[in-house]
C-alpha atoms as a PDB file:
ATOM      1  CA  UNK A   1      22.847-196.671 162.354  1.00  0.00           C
ATOM      2  CA  UNK A   2      25.790-194.670 163.589  1.00  0.00           C
ATOM      3  CA  UNK A   3      27.428-191.673 162.016  1.00  0.00           C
ATOM      4  CA  UNK A   4      30.514-193.788 161.274  1.00  0.00           C
ATOM      5  CA  UNK A   5      28.557-196.242 159.309  1.00  0.00           C
ATOM      6  CA  UNK A   6      26.894-193.534 157.267  1.00  0.00           C
ATOM      7  CA  UNK A   7      30.255-192.064 156.473  1.00  0.00           C
ATOM      8  CA  UNK A   8      31.536-195.495 155.211  1.00  0.00           C
ATOM      9  CA  UNK A   9      28.391-195.748 152.971  1.00  0.00           C
ATOM     10  CA  UNK A  10      29.269-192.415 151.381  1.00  0.00           C
ATOM     11  CA  UNK A  11      32.865-193.336 150.354  1.00  0.00           C
ATOM     12  CA  UNK A  12      33.563-193.571 146.643  1.00  0.00           C
ATOM     13  CA  UNK A  13      35.113-196.833 145.256  1.00  0.00           C
ATOM     14  CA  UNK A  14      38.583-195.400 145.152  1.00  0.00           C
ATOM     15  CA  UNK A  15      38.280-193.850 148.612  1.00  0.00           C
ATOM     16  CA  UNK A  16      37.143-197.262 149.937  1.00  0.00           C
ATOM     17  CA  UNK A  17      40.159-198.956 148.207  1.00  0.00           C
ATOM     18  CA  UNK A  18      42.678-196.715 149.890  1.00  0.00           C
ATOM     19  CA  UNK A  19      40.972-197.037 153.356  1.00  0.00           C
ATOM     20  CA  UNK A  20      43.687-198.152 155.778  1.00  0.00           C
ATOM     21  CA  UNK A  21      46.538-197.759 153.211  1.00  0.00           C
ATOM     22  CA  UNK A  22      48.655-195.859 155.665  1.00  0.00           C
ATOM     23  CA  UNK A  23      48.250-198.394 158.461  1.00  0.00           C
ATOM     24  CA  UNK A  24      49.036-201.642 156.783  1.00  0.00           C
ATOM     25  CA  UNK A  25      52.280-203.057 155.557  1.00  0.00           C
ATOM     26  CA  UNK A  26      53.955-206.306 154.482  1.00  0.00           C
ATOM     27  CA  UNK A  27      57.515-207.622 153.914  1.00  0.00           C
ATOM     28  CA  UNK A  28      58.971-209.375 150.837  1.00  0.00           C
ATOM     29  CA  UNK A  29      62.393-210.946 150.372  1.00  0.00           C
ATOM     30  CA  UNK A  30      64.395-209.148 147.675  1.00  0.00           C
ATOM     31  CA  UNK A  31      67.859-209.135 146.096  1.00  0.00           C
ATOM     32  CA  UNK A  32      69.605-205.940 146.918  1.00  0.00           C
ATOM     33  CA  UNK A  33      72.538-205.923 144.525  1.00  0.00           C
ATOM     34  CA  UNK A  34      73.961-207.584 141.388  1.00  0.00           C
ATOM     35  CA  UNK A  35      75.716-210.216 143.580  1.00  0.00           C
ATOM     36  CA  UNK A  36      72.337-211.412 144.810  1.00  0.00           C
ATOM     37  CA  UNK A  37      72.707-210.162 148.479  1.00  0.00           C
ATOM     38  CA  UNK A  38      69.273-210.715 150.245  1.00  0.00           C
ATOM     39  CA  UNK A  39      67.205-208.007 151.941  1.00  0.00           C
ATOM     40  CA  UNK A  40      63.657-207.520 153.010  1.00  0.00           C
ATOM     41  CA  UNK A  41      61.502-204.827 151.384  1.00  0.00           C
ATOM     42  CA  UNK A  42      58.754-203.179 153.329  1.00  0.00           C
ATOM     43  CA  UNK A  43      55.591-202.389 151.243  1.00  0.00           C
ATOM     44  CA  UNK A  44      52.514-200.425 151.877  1.00  0.00           C
ATOM     45  CA  UNK A  45      49.098-202.108 151.305  1.00  0.00           C
ATOM     46  CA  UNK A  46      49.034-200.808 147.708  1.00  0.00           C
ATOM     47  CA  UNK A  47      52.456-202.441 146.954  1.00  0.00           C
ATOM     48  CA  UNK A  48      54.465-199.285 147.200  1.00  0.00           C
ATOM     49  CA  UNK A  49      57.961-200.051 148.460  1.00  0.00           C
ATOM     50  CA  UNK A  50      58.735-198.049 151.569  1.00  0.00           C
ATOM     51  CA  UNK A  51      62.137-199.307 152.722  1.00  0.00           C
ATOM     52  CA  UNK A  52      64.633-202.225 152.363  1.00  0.00           C
ATOM     53  CA  UNK A  53      66.283-203.724 155.426  1.00  0.00           C
ATOM     54  CA  UNK A  54      69.044-206.227 155.873  1.00  0.00           C
ATOM     55  CA  UNK A  55      67.153-208.439 158.221  1.00  0.00           C
ATOM     56  CA  UNK A  56      63.618-209.591 158.687  1.00  0.00           C
ATOM     57  CA  UNK A  57      63.362-208.669 162.344  1.00  0.00           C
ATOM     58  CA  UNK A  58      64.547-205.032 161.392  1.00  0.00           C
ATOM     59  CA  UNK A  59      61.864-204.881 158.743  1.00  0.00           C
ATOM     60  CA  UNK A  60      59.083-205.974 161.187  1.00  0.00           C
ATOM     61  CA  UNK A  61      60.477-203.503 163.847  1.00  0.00           C
ATOM     62  CA  UNK A  62      60.305-200.630 161.283  1.00  0.00           C
ATOM     63  CA  UNK A  63      56.681-201.376 160.586  1.00  0.00           C
ATOM     64  CA  UNK A  64      55.725-201.485 164.176  1.00  0.00           C
ATOM     65  CA  UNK A  65      57.772-198.316 164.958  1.00  0.00           C
ATOM     66  CA  UNK A  66      55.911-196.437 162.419  1.00  0.00           C
ATOM     67  CA  UNK A  67      52.498-197.417 163.935  1.00  0.00           C
ATOM     68  CA  UNK A  68      51.623-199.756 161.077  1.00  0.00           C
ATOM     69  CA  UNK A  69      50.123-203.226 161.208  1.00  0.00           C
ATOM     70  CA  UNK A  70      52.186-206.166 159.791  1.00  0.00           C
ATOM     71  CA  UNK A  71      49.961-208.472 157.716  1.00  0.00           C
ATOM     72  CA  UNK A  72      50.719-211.845 156.149  1.00  0.00           C
ATOM     73  CA  UNK A  73      50.225-212.081 152.366  1.00  0.00           C
ATOM     74  CA  UNK A  74      49.856-215.474 150.928  1.00  0.00           C
END
């Protein structure tokens, strides 16, 4: 058993849940104003909204620029 495996075994449930939170993000379409203009919200793995962009490619680029991994959510 490696030291890394032992460290993972010692994590509390809440620590394990937050593992990787800072590295994973996803994008959701959103309405950005009362007239229904569309945008794309970037969210952290826990659902916290990080940013809103006007275009999907900009949202993806922001995730990659911040050294995060984009994941698909179904």
